[in-house]
PDB file of N, CA and C in Angstrom:
ATOM      1  N   UNK A   1      -0.411 -42.088  -7.817  1.00  0.00           N
ATOM      2  CA  UNK A   1      -0.199 -40.904  -6.949  1.00  0.00           C
ATOM      3  C   UNK A   1      -1.802 -39.969  -7.308  1.00  0.00           C
ATOM      4  N   UNK A   2      -2.271 -39.602  -5.842  1.00  0.00           N
ATOM      5  CA  UNK A   2      -4.181 -39.274  -6.007  1.00  0.00           C
ATOM      6  C   UNK A   2      -3.517 -37.840  -6.840  1.00  0.00           C
ATOM      7  N   UNK A   3      -4.537 -37.098  -6.870  1.00  0.00           N
ATOM      8  CA  UNK A   3      -4.712 -36.037  -7.373  1.00  0.00           C
ATOM      9  C   UNK A   3      -4.101 -34.371  -6.629  1.00  0.00           C
ATOM     10  N   UNK A   4      -3.636 -33.777  -7.379  1.00  0.00           N
ATOM     11  CA  UNK A   4      -2.553 -32.831  -6.583  1.00  0.00           C
ATOM     12  C   UNK A   4      -3.705 -31.322  -6.446  1.00  0.00           C
ATOM     13  N   UNK A   5      -3.093 -31.142  -5.243  1.00  0.00           N
ATOM     14  CA  UNK A   5      -4.017 -29.751  -5.405  1.00  0.00           C
ATOM     15  C   UNK A   5      -3.268 -29.004  -4.767  1.00  0.00           C
ATOM     16  N   UNK A   6      -3.867 -27.895  -4.544  1.00  0.00           N
ATOM     17  CA  UNK A   6      -2.780 -27.145  -3.831  1.00  0.00           C
ATOM     18  C   UNK A   6      -2.657 -26.640  -2.757  1.00  0.00           C
ATOM     19  N   UNK A   7      -3.792 -27.339  -1.611  1.00  0.00           N
ATOM     20  CA  UNK A   7      -3.234 -27.255   0.063  1.00  0.00           C
ATOM     21  C   UNK A   7      -2.261 -28.484   0.021  1.00  0.00           C
ATOM     22  N   UNK A   8      -1.880 -29.452  -0.749  1.00  0.00           N
ATOM     23  CA  UNK A   8      -1.424 -30.642  -1.129  1.00  0.00           C
ATOM     24  C   UNK A   8       0.104 -30.043  -1.234  1.00  0.00           C
ATOM     25  N   UNK A   9       0.467 -29.594  -2.734  1.00  0.00           N
ATOM     26  CA  UNK A   9       1.300 -28.649  -2.947  1.00  0.00           C
ATOM     27  C   UNK A   9       1.715 -27.841  -1.897  1.00  0.00           C
ATOM     28  N   UNK A  10       1.053 -27.482  -0.831  1.00  0.00           N
ATOM     29  CA  UNK A  10       1.356 -26.379  -0.138  1.00  0.00           C
ATOM     30  C   UNK A  10       2.006 -27.437   1.451  1.00  0.00           C
ATOM     31  N   UNK A  11       1.486 -28.155   1.395  1.00  0.00           N
ATOM     32  CA  UNK A  11       2.130 -29.107   2.408  1.00  0.00           C
ATOM     33  C   UNK A  11       3.373 -30.320   1.905  1.00  0.00           C
ATOM     34  N   UNK A  12       3.460 -30.448   1.309  1.00  0.00           N
ATOM     35  CA  UNK A  12       5.098 -31.113  -0.081  1.00  0.00           C
ATOM     36  C   UNK A  12       5.936 -29.557   0.351  1.00  0.00           C
ATOM     37  N   UNK A  13       5.535 -28.348  -0.200  1.00  0.00           N
ATOM     38  CA  UNK A  13       6.666 -27.497  -0.457  1.00  0.00           C
ATOM     39  C   UNK A  13       7.388 -27.327   1.367  1.00  0.00           C
ATOM     40  N   UNK A  14       6.240 -27.370   2.257  1.00  0.00           N
ATOM     41  CA  UNK A  14       6.891 -26.287   3.779  1.00  0.00           C
ATOM     42  C   UNK A  14       7.520 -28.038   4.142  1.00  0.00           C
ATOM     43  N   UNK A  15       7.009 -29.437   4.117  1.00  0.00           N
ATOM     44  CA  UNK A  15       8.080 -29.961   4.415  1.00  0.00           C
ATOM     45  C   UNK A  15       9.228 -30.205   3.395  1.00  0.00           C
ATOM     46  N   UNK A  16       9.300 -30.765   2.616  1.00  0.00           N
ATOM     47  CA  UNK A  16      10.781 -30.535   1.808  1.00  0.00           C
ATOM     48  C   UNK A  16      11.390 -29.328   1.611  1.00  0.00           C
ATOM     49  N   UNK A  17      11.058 -28.926   1.798  1.00  0.00           N
ATOM     50  CA  UNK A  17      12.139 -27.574   1.811  1.00  0.00           C
ATOM     51  C   UNK A  17      12.675 -26.704   2.422  1.00  0.00           C
ATOM     52  N   UNK A  18      11.661 -27.024   4.052  1.00  0.00           N
ATOM     53  CA  UNK A  18      11.757 -26.233   5.109  1.00  0.00           C
ATOM     54  C   UNK A  18      11.113 -24.617   4.814  1.00  0.00           C
ATOM     55  N   UNK A  19       9.993 -24.351   4.231  1.00  0.00           N
ATOM     56  CA  UNK A  19       9.442 -23.373   4.152  1.00  0.00           C
ATOM     57  C   UNK A  19       9.288 -22.423   4.940  1.00  0.00           C
ATOM     58  N   UNK A  20       9.009 -21.242   4.870  1.00  0.00           N
ATOM     59  CA  UNK A  20       8.390 -20.664   6.336  1.00  0.00           C
ATOM     60  C   UNK A  20       7.146 -19.948   6.403  1.00  0.00           C
ATOM     61  N   UNK A  21       6.901 -19.604   4.490  1.00  0.00           N
ATOM     62  CA  UNK A  21       5.102 -19.217   4.016  1.00  0.00           C
ATOM     63  C   UNK A  21       5.576 -20.157   2.788  1.00  0.00           C
ATOM     64  N   UNK A  22       4.536 -20.360   2.294  1.00  0.00           N
ATOM     65  CA  UNK A  22       4.074 -20.491   1.138  1.00  0.00           C
ATOM     66  C   UNK A  22       3.289 -20.333   0.467  1.00  0.00           C
ATOM     67  N   UNK A  23       2.648 -20.146  -0.646  1.00  0.00           N
ATOM     68  CA  UNK A  23       1.126 -19.840  -1.499  1.00  0.00           C
ATOM     69  C   UNK A  23       1.393 -20.244  -2.831  1.00  0.00           C
ATOM     70  N   UNK A  24      -0.108 -21.423  -3.160  1.00  0.00           N
ATOM     71  CA  UNK A  24      -0.178 -22.125  -4.631  1.00  0.00           C
ATOM     72  C   UNK A  24      -1.272 -21.764  -4.598  1.00  0.00           C
ATOM     73  N   UNK A  25      -1.417 -21.725  -5.667  1.00  0.00           N
ATOM     74  CA  UNK A  25      -2.548 -21.009  -6.534  1.00  0.00           C
ATOM     75  C   UNK A  25      -2.687 -22.381  -7.366  1.00  0.00           C
ATOM     76  N   UNK A  26      -4.310 -22.919  -7.662  1.00  0.00           N
ATOM     77  CA  UNK A  26      -4.599 -23.386  -8.834  1.00  0.00           C
ATOM     78  C   UNK A  26      -4.765 -22.571  -9.981  1.00  0.00           C
ATOM     79  N   UNK A  27      -4.125 -22.765 -11.012  1.00  0.00           N
ATOM     80  CA  UNK A  27      -4.064 -21.358 -11.799  1.00  0.00           C
ATOM     81  C   UNK A  27      -4.981 -22.329 -13.394  1.00  0.00           C
ATOM     82  N   UNK A  28      -5.747 -23.760 -13.087  1.00  0.00           N
ATOM     83  CA  UNK A  28      -6.645 -24.303 -14.046  1.00  0.00           C
ATOM     84  C   UNK A  28      -7.470 -24.468 -13.725  1.00  0.00           C
ATOM     85  N   UNK A  29      -8.061 -24.104 -12.409  1.00  0.00           N
ATOM     86  CA  UNK A  29      -9.855 -24.272 -12.043  1.00  0.00           C
ATOM     87  C   UNK A  29     -10.088 -25.202 -11.455  1.00  0.00           C
ATOM     88  N   UNK A  30      -9.035 -25.732 -10.725  1.00  0.00           N
ATOM     89  CA  UNK A  30      -9.717 -26.715 -10.069  1.00  0.00           C
ATOM     90  C   UNK A  30      -9.321 -28.314 -10.188  1.00  0.00           C
ATOM     91  N   UNK A  31      -8.812 -28.045 -11.470  1.00  0.00           N
ATOM     92  CA  UNK A  31      -8.496 -29.328 -12.264  1.00  0.00           C
ATOM     93  C   UNK A  31      -6.877 -29.771 -11.593  1.00  0.00           C
ATOM     94  N   UNK A  32      -6.642 -29.363 -11.529  1.00  0.00           N
ATOM     95  CA  UNK A  32      -4.638 -29.293 -10.148  1.00  0.00           C
ATOM     96  C   UNK A  32      -3.451 -30.285 -11.925  1.00  0.00           C
ATOM     97  N   UNK A  33      -4.018 -28.933 -12.483  1.00  0.00           N
ATOM     98  CA  UNK A  33      -2.551 -29.205 -14.105  1.00  0.00           C
ATOM     99  C   UNK A  33      -2.252 -28.140 -14.016  1.00  0.00           C
ATOM    100  N   UNK A  34      -2.048 -26.658 -13.327  1.00  0.00           N
ATOM    101  CA  UNK A  34      -1.390 -25.733 -13.511  1.00  0.00           C
ATOM    102  C   UNK A  34      -1.341 -25.036 -12.078  1.00  0.00           C
ATOM    103  N   UNK A  35      -0.040 -24.763 -11.608  1.00  0.00           N
ATOM    104  CA  UNK A  35      -0.081 -23.982  -9.876  1.00  0.00           C
ATOM    105  C   UNK A  35       1.343 -22.305 -10.227  1.00  0.00           C
ATOM    106  N   UNK A  36       1.083 -21.417  -9.594  1.00  0.00           N
ATOM    107  CA  UNK A  36       1.741 -20.869  -9.533  1.00  0.00           C
ATOM    108  C   UNK A  36       1.708 -20.675  -7.820  1.00  0.00           C
ATOM    109  N   UNK A  37       2.959 -20.417  -7.193  1.00  0.00           N
ATOM    110  CA  UNK A  37       3.269 -20.399  -6.364  1.00  0.00           C
ATOM    111  C   UNK A  37       4.773 -19.057  -5.639  1.00  0.00           C
ATOM    112  N   UNK A  38       4.706 -19.092  -4.694  1.00  0.00           N
ATOM    113  CA  UNK A  38       5.460 -18.408  -3.906  1.00  0.00           C
ATOM    114  C   UNK A  38       5.846 -18.870  -2.076  1.00  0.00           C
ATOM    115  N   UNK A  39       6.946 -19.323  -2.733  1.00  0.00           N
ATOM    116  CA  UNK A  39       8.362 -20.573  -1.831  1.00  0.00           C
ATOM    117  C   UNK A  39       8.710 -19.165  -0.736  1.00  0.00           C
ATOM    118  N   UNK A  40       9.039 -18.927   0.106  1.00  0.00           N
ATOM    119  CA  UNK A  40       9.665 -18.479   0.785  1.00  0.00           C
ATOM    120  C   UNK A  40      10.531 -19.298   1.807  1.00  0.00           C
ATOM    121  N   UNK A  41      11.899 -19.640   1.580  1.00  0.00           N
ATOM    122  CA  UNK A  41      11.963 -19.871   2.232  1.00  0.00           C
ATOM    123  C   UNK A  41      14.027 -20.218   2.877  1.00  0.00           C
ATOM    124  N   UNK A  42      14.594 -20.479   3.916  1.00  0.00           N
ATOM    125  CA  UNK A  42      15.754 -20.054   4.333  1.00  0.00           C
ATOM    126  C   UNK A  42      16.556 -20.896   3.651  1.00  0.00           C
ATOM    127  N   UNK A  43      16.453 -21.942   3.061  1.00  0.00           N
ATOM    128  CA  UNK A  43      17.075 -23.351   2.511  1.00  0.00           C
ATOM    129  C   UNK A  43      17.978 -21.760   1.260  1.00  0.00           C
ATOM    130  N   UNK A  44      17.092 -21.546   0.445  1.00  0.00           N
ATOM    131  CA  UNK A  44      17.343 -20.403  -0.505  1.00  0.00           C
ATOM    132  C   UNK A  44      18.635 -19.273  -0.314  1.00  0.00           C
ATOM    133  N   UNK A  45      18.801 -19.122   1.232  1.00  0.00           N
ATOM    134  CA  UNK A  45      19.793 -18.138   1.516  1.00  0.00           C
ATOM    135  C   UNK A  45      21.187 -18.657   0.738  1.00  0.00           C
ATOM    136  N   UNK A  46      21.908 -17.778   0.071  1.00  0.00           N
ATOM    137  CA  UNK A  46      23.125 -17.121  -0.993  1.00  0.00           C
ATOM    138  C   UNK A  46      22.899 -18.627  -2.309  1.00  0.00           C
ATOM    139  N   UNK A  47      22.074 -18.551  -2.606  1.00  0.00           N
ATOM    140  CA  UNK A  47      21.437 -19.518  -3.950  1.00  0.00           C
ATOM    141  C   UNK A  47      20.546 -18.263  -5.080  1.00  0.00           C
ATOM    142  N   UNK A  48      21.474 -18.117  -6.217  1.00  0.00           N
ATOM    143  CA  UNK A  48      20.946 -17.431  -7.210  1.00  0.00           C
ATOM    144  C   UNK A  48      19.797 -18.053  -7.824  1.00  0.00           C
ATOM    145  N   UNK A  49      18.920 -17.138  -8.873  1.00  0.00           N
ATOM    146  CA  UNK A  49      17.907 -17.493  -8.636  1.00  0.00           C
ATOM    147  C   UNK A  49      17.642 -19.172  -9.785  1.00  0.00           C
ATOM    148  N   UNK A  50      18.283 -19.085 -10.684  1.00  0.00           N
ATOM    149  CA  UNK A  50      18.519 -20.537 -10.369  1.00  0.00           C
ATOM    150  C   UNK A  50      18.432 -21.947 -10.114  1.00  0.00           C
ATOM    151  N   UNK A  51      19.489 -22.037  -9.176  1.00  0.00           N
ATOM    152  CA  UNK A  51      19.985 -22.627  -8.092  1.00  0.00           C
ATOM    153  C   UNK A  51      18.636 -22.773  -7.363  1.00  0.00           C
ATOM    154  N   UNK A  52      17.628 -21.427  -6.834  1.00  0.00           N
ATOM    155  CA  UNK A  52      16.696 -21.851  -6.448  1.00  0.00           C
ATOM    156  C   UNK A  52      15.594 -22.881  -6.754  1.00  0.00           C
ATOM    157  N   UNK A  53      15.479 -22.788  -8.461  1.00  0.00           N
ATOM    158  CA  UNK A  53      14.574 -23.097  -9.127  1.00  0.00           C
ATOM    159  C   UNK A  53      15.209 -24.313  -9.239  1.00  0.00           C
ATOM    160  N   UNK A  54      15.874 -24.579  -9.046  1.00  0.00           N
ATOM    161  CA  UNK A  54      16.319 -26.368  -9.721  1.00  0.00           C
ATOM    162  C   UNK A  54      16.253 -26.914  -8.188  1.00  0.00           C
ATOM    163  N   UNK A  55      16.345 -26.524  -6.975  1.00  0.00           N
ATOM    164  CA  UNK A  55      16.252 -26.787  -5.587  1.00  0.00           C
ATOM    165  C   UNK A  55      14.984 -27.134  -5.726  1.00  0.00           C
ATOM    166  N   UNK A  56      14.121 -26.538  -5.707  1.00  0.00           N
ATOM    167  CA  UNK A  56      12.548 -26.787  -5.493  1.00  0.00           C
ATOM    168  C   UNK A  56      12.040 -28.035  -6.870  1.00  0.00           C
ATOM    169  N   UNK A  57      12.566 -27.648  -7.962  1.00  0.00           N
ATOM    170  CA  UNK A  57      12.434 -28.734  -9.415  1.00  0.00           C
ATOM    171  C   UNK A  57      12.512 -29.676  -8.756  1.00  0.00           C
ATOM    172  N   UNK A  58      13.815 -30.280  -7.968  1.00  0.00           N
ATOM    173  CA  UNK A  58      14.322 -31.459  -7.529  1.00  0.00           C
ATOM    174  C   UNK A  58      13.430 -31.671  -6.481  1.00  0.00           C
ATOM    175  N   UNK A  59      13.016 -31.902  -5.477  1.00  0.00           N
ATOM    176  CA  UNK A  59      12.069 -31.929  -4.131  1.00  0.00           C
ATOM    177  C   UNK A  59      11.157 -31.622  -4.459  1.00  0.00           C
ATOM    178  N   UNK A  60      10.234 -31.562  -6.027  1.00  0.00           N
ATOM    179  CA  UNK A  60       8.733 -31.887  -6.252  1.00  0.00           C
ATOM    180  C   UNK A  60       8.971 -32.375  -7.621  1.00  0.00           C
ATOM    181  N   UNK A  61      10.045 -33.224  -7.810  1.00  0.00           N
ATOM    182  CA  UNK A  61      10.397 -34.150  -8.696  1.00  0.00           C
ATOM    183  C   UNK A  61       8.877 -34.867  -9.986  1.00  0.00           C
ATOM    184  N   UNK A  62       8.416 -35.317  -9.072  1.00  0.00           N
ATOM    185  CA  UNK A  62       7.250 -36.423  -8.745  1.00  0.00           C
ATOM    186  C   UNK A  62       5.876 -35.265  -9.168  1.00  0.00           C
ATOM    187  N   UNK A  63       5.917 -34.428  -8.515  1.00  0.00           N
ATOM    188  CA  UNK A  63       4.758 -33.690  -8.469  1.00  0.00           C
ATOM    189  C   UNK A  63       4.681 -32.693  -9.715  1.00  0.00           C
ATOM    190  N   UNK A  64       5.728 -32.504 -10.333  1.00  0.00           N
ATOM    191  CA  UNK A  64       5.888 -31.908 -10.978  1.00  0.00           C
ATOM    192  C   UNK A  64       5.497 -31.947 -12.790  1.00  0.00           C
ATOM    193  N   UNK A  65       6.108 -33.485 -12.250  1.00  0.00           N
ATOM    194  CA  UNK A  65       5.965 -34.656 -13.993  1.00  0.00           C
ATOM    195  C   UNK A  65       4.216 -34.628 -13.683  1.00  0.00           C
ATOM    196  N   UNK A  66       3.827 -34.772 -12.844  1.00  0.00           N
ATOM    197  CA  UNK A  66       2.314 -34.715 -12.877  1.00  0.00           C
ATOM    198  C   UNK A  66       0.760 -34.006 -13.251  1.00  0.00           C
ATOM    199  N   UNK A  67       1.679 -32.617 -13.829  1.00  0.00           N
ATOM    200  CA  UNK A  67       1.010 -31.506 -13.634  1.00  0.00           C
ATOM    201  C   UNK A  67       1.511 -30.506 -14.890  1.00  0.00           C
ATOM    202  N   UNK A  68       0.872 -30.016 -15.490  1.00  0.00           N
ATOM    203  CA  UNK A  68       0.793 -29.525 -16.752  1.00  0.00           C
ATOM    204  C   UNK A  68       1.782 -28.501 -16.670  1.00  0.00           C
ATOM    205  N   UNK A  69       1.769 -27.558 -15.520  1.00  0.00           N
ATOM    206  CA  UNK A  69       2.364 -25.605 -15.928  1.00  0.00           C
ATOM    207  C   UNK A  69       2.877 -25.877 -14.449  1.00  0.00           C
ATOM    208  N   UNK A  70       3.609 -25.329 -13.338  1.00  0.00           N
ATOM    209  CA  UNK A  70       4.544 -25.232 -12.878  1.00  0.00           C
ATOM    210  C   UNK A  70       5.195 -23.984 -12.362  1.00  0.00           C
ATOM    211  N   UNK A  71       5.089 -22.730 -11.654  1.00  0.00           N
ATOM    212  CA  UNK A  71       5.785 -21.514 -11.929  1.00  0.00           C
ATOM    213  C   UNK A  71       6.071 -21.410 -10.126  1.00  0.00           C
ATOM    214  N   UNK A  72       7.531 -21.554  -9.980  1.00  0.00           N
ATOM    215  CA  UNK A  72       7.657 -20.336  -8.810  1.00  0.00           C
ATOM    216  C   UNK A  72       8.551 -19.315  -8.554  1.00  0.00           C
ATOM    217  N   UNK A  73       8.017 -19.132  -7.519  1.00  0.00           N
ATOM    218  CA  UNK A  73       8.692 -17.869  -7.239  1.00  0.00           C
ATOM    219  C   UNK A  73       9.468 -17.958  -5.939  1.00  0.00           C
ATOM    220  N   UNK A  74      10.847 -17.616  -5.859  1.00  0.00           N
ATOM    221  CA  UNK A  74      11.480 -18.249  -4.306  1.00  0.00           C
ATOM    222  C   UNK A  74      12.490 -17.358  -3.974  1.00  0.00           C
ATOM    223  N   UNK A  75      12.023 -16.962  -2.636  1.00  0.00           N
ATOM    224  CA  UNK A  75      12.589 -15.521  -1.791  1.00  0.00           C
ATOM    225  C   UNK A  75      13.070 -16.506  -0.135  1.00  0.00           C
ATOM    226  N   UNK A  76      13.889 -15.362  -0.172  1.00  0.00           N
ATOM    227  CA  UNK A  76      14.515 -16.047   1.229  1.00  0.00           C
ATOM    228  C   UNK A  76      14.297 -15.596   2.566  1.00  0.00           C
ATOM    229  N   UNK A  77      13.626 -15.957   3.606  1.00  0.00           N
ATOM    230  CA  UNK A  77      12.827 -14.998   4.981  1.00  0.00           C
ATOM    231  C   UNK A  77      13.128 -13.555   5.065  1.00  0.00           C
ATOM    232  N   UNK A  78      14.243 -13.155   4.352  1.00  0.00           N
ATOM    233  CA  UNK A  78      14.558 -11.659   4.160  1.00  0.00           C
ATOM    234  C   UNK A  78      14.282 -10.856   3.277  1.00  0.00           C
ATOM    235  N   UNK A  79      14.546 -11.541   2.067  1.00  0.00           N
ATOM    236  CA  UNK A  79      13.329 -10.681   0.947  1.00  0.00           C
ATOM    237  C   UNK A  79      12.254 -10.736   0.965  1.00  0.00           C
ATOM    238  N   UNK A  80      11.704 -11.860   1.173  1.00  0.00           N
ATOM    239  CA  UNK A  80      10.101 -11.729   1.864  1.00  0.00           C
ATOM    240  C   UNK A  80       9.570 -10.882   2.141  1.00  0.00           C
ATOM    241  N   UNK A  81      10.566 -11.081   3.579  1.00  0.00           N
ATOM    242  CA  UNK A  81      10.149  -9.251   4.433  1.00  0.00           C
ATOM    243  C   UNK A  81      10.473  -7.687   3.519  1.00  0.00           C
ATOM    244  N   UNK A  82      11.614  -8.067   3.202  1.00  0.00           N
ATOM    245  CA  UNK A  82      11.248  -6.833   2.306  1.00  0.00           C
ATOM    246  C   UNK A  82      10.005  -6.110   1.343  1.00  0.00           C
ATOM    247  N   UNK A  83      10.178  -7.243   0.593  1.00  0.00           N
ATOM    248  CA  UNK A  83       8.805  -7.109  -0.107  1.00  0.00           C
ATOM    249  C   UNK A  83       7.419  -6.838   0.414  1.00  0.00           C
ATOM    250  N   UNK A  84       6.984  -7.463   1.356  1.00  0.00           N
ATOM    251  CA  UNK A  84       5.943  -7.356   2.027  1.00  0.00           C
ATOM    252  C   UNK A  84       5.966  -5.840   2.819  1.00  0.00           C
ATOM    253  N   UNK A  85       6.736  -5.553   3.830  1.00  0.00           N
ATOM    254  CA  UNK A  85       7.288  -4.494   4.070  1.00  0.00           C
ATOM    255  C   UNK A  85       6.615  -3.179   3.315  1.00  0.00           C
ATOM    256  N   UNK A  86       7.286  -3.058   1.574  1.00  0.00           N
ATOM    257  CA  UNK A  86       7.389  -2.348   0.440  1.00  0.00           C
ATOM    258  C   UNK A  86       5.978  -2.337  -0.533  1.00  0.00           C
ATOM    259  N   UNK A  87       5.432  -3.388  -0.497  1.00  0.00           N
ATOM    260  CA  UNK A  87       4.387  -3.370  -1.161  1.00  0.00           C
ATOM    261  C   UNK A  87       2.893  -2.337  -0.881  1.00  0.00           C
ATOM    262  N   UNK A  88       3.051  -2.352  -1.837  1.00  0.00           N
ATOM    263  CA  UNK A  88       1.377  -1.351  -1.638  1.00  0.00           C
ATOM    264  C   UNK A  88       0.485  -2.379  -1.999  1.00  0.00           C
ATOM    265  N   UNK A  89      -0.678  -2.161  -0.716  1.00  0.00           N
ATOM    266  CA  UNK A  89      -1.887  -2.133  -1.186  1.00  0.00           C
ATOM    267  C   UNK A  89      -3.117  -2.301  -2.882  1.00  0.00           C
ATOM    268  N   UNK A  90      -3.086  -3.440  -3.476  1.00  0.00           N
ATOM    269  CA  UNK A  90      -3.986  -2.884  -4.171  1.00  0.00           C
ATOM    270  C   UNK A  90      -5.137  -1.776  -4.201  1.00  0.00           C
ATOM    271  N   UNK A  91      -5.182  -0.789  -5.618  1.00  0.00           N
ATOM    272  CA  UNK A  91      -5.700   0.084  -5.410  1.00  0.00           C
ATOM    273  C   UNK A  91      -6.654  -0.406  -6.961  1.00  0.00           C
ATOM    274  N   UNK A  92      -6.475  -1.459  -7.490  1.00  0.00           N
ATOM    275  CA  UNK A  92      -6.971  -1.445  -9.085  1.00  0.00           C
ATOM    276  C   UNK A  92      -9.111  -1.554  -9.389  1.00  0.00           C
ATOM    277  N   UNK A  93      -9.242  -0.613 -10.224  1.00  0.00           N
ATOM    278  CA  UNK A  93     -10.659  -0.025 -10.097  1.00  0.00           C
ATOM    279  C   UNK A  93     -11.359   0.722  -9.295  1.00  0.00           C
ATOM    280  N   UNK A  94      -9.784   1.962  -8.040  1.00  0.00           N
ATOM    281  CA  UNK A  94     -10.647   3.216  -7.008  1.00  0.00           C
ATOM    282  C   UNK A  94      -9.821   3.939  -7.410  1.00  0.00           C
ATOM    283  N   UNK A  95     -10.811   5.339  -7.047  1.00  0.00           N
ATOM    284  CA  UNK A  95     -10.271   6.346  -7.340  1.00  0.00           C
ATOM    285  C   UNK A  95     -10.417   6.658  -5.369  1.00  0.00           C
ATOM    286  N   UNK A  96      -9.717   7.449  -4.924  1.00  0.00           N
ATOM    287  CA  UNK A  96      -9.307   7.651  -4.040  1.00  0.00           C
ATOM    288  C   UNK A  96     -10.498   7.026  -2.270  1.00  0.00           C
ATOM    289  N   UNK A  97      -9.801   5.839  -3.194  1.00  0.00           N
ATOM    290  CA  UNK A  97     -10.362   4.769  -2.004  1.00  0.00           C
ATOM    291  C   UNK A  97     -11.310   4.631  -1.898  1.00  0.00           C
ATOM    292  N   UNK A  98     -11.831   4.815  -3.522  1.00  0.00           N
ATOM    293  CA  UNK A  98     -13.749   4.765  -3.925  1.00  0.00           C
ATOM    294  C   UNK A  98     -13.682   3.692  -5.303  1.00  0.00           C
ATOM    295  N   UNK A  99     -14.926   2.737  -5.132  1.00  0.00           N
ATOM    296  CA  UNK A  99     -14.972   2.308  -6.786  1.00  0.00           C
ATOM    297  C   UNK A  99     -15.780   3.119  -7.252  1.00  0.00           C
ATOM    298  N   UNK A 100     -14.652   3.737  -8.911  1.00  0.00           N
ATOM    299  CA  UNK A 100     -15.286   3.724  -9.654  1.00  0.00           C
ATOM    300  C   UNK A 100     -16.424   3.661  -9.991  1.00  0.00           C
ATOM    301  N   UNK A 101     -17.209   4.986 -10.378  1.00  0.00           N
ATOM    302  CA  UNK A 101     -18.739   4.454 -11.279  1.00  0.00           C
ATOM    303  C   UNK A 101     -19.557   4.025 -10.029  1.00  0.00           C
ATOM    304  N   UNK A 102     -19.198   4.480  -8.424  1.00  0.00           N
ATOM    305  CA  UNK A 102     -20.637   4.267  -7.519  1.00  0.00           C
ATOM    306  C   UNK A 102     -20.188   5.476  -6.958  1.00  0.00           C
ATOM    307  N   UNK A 103     -21.404   6.432  -6.166  1.00  0.00           N
ATOM    308  CA  UNK A 103     -21.796   7.247  -4.894  1.00  0.00           C
ATOM    309  C   UNK A 103     -21.728   6.768  -3.764  1.00  0.00           C
ATOM    310  N   UNK A 104     -21.174   7.724  -2.861  1.00  0.00           N
ATOM    311  CA  UNK A 104     -21.116   7.214  -1.605  1.00  0.00           C
ATOM    312  C   UNK A 104     -22.719   7.597  -1.074  1.00  0.00           C
TER     313      UNK A 104
END
């Protein structure tokens, strides 16, 4: 198998799990050995967390065997939509919308 990349994992997940949204991040600094992901698929509807992860692991069995670490967050389209609409924008390092320690 050729080198696994975040892009190749996104494509594989989209195809095999009919995902409508996929985020894959290479946590290994580009060497393709550790990935974290967010997978949004209607196939997760009615499945608990364990069954969702088993579905993902079965669909990506060959790819997961070739890498060191794999983490997946699995959501249905409805769950993802609720998460997106309730999540506040990141404010790390800001005070009143300004970066701390800087003058305007």
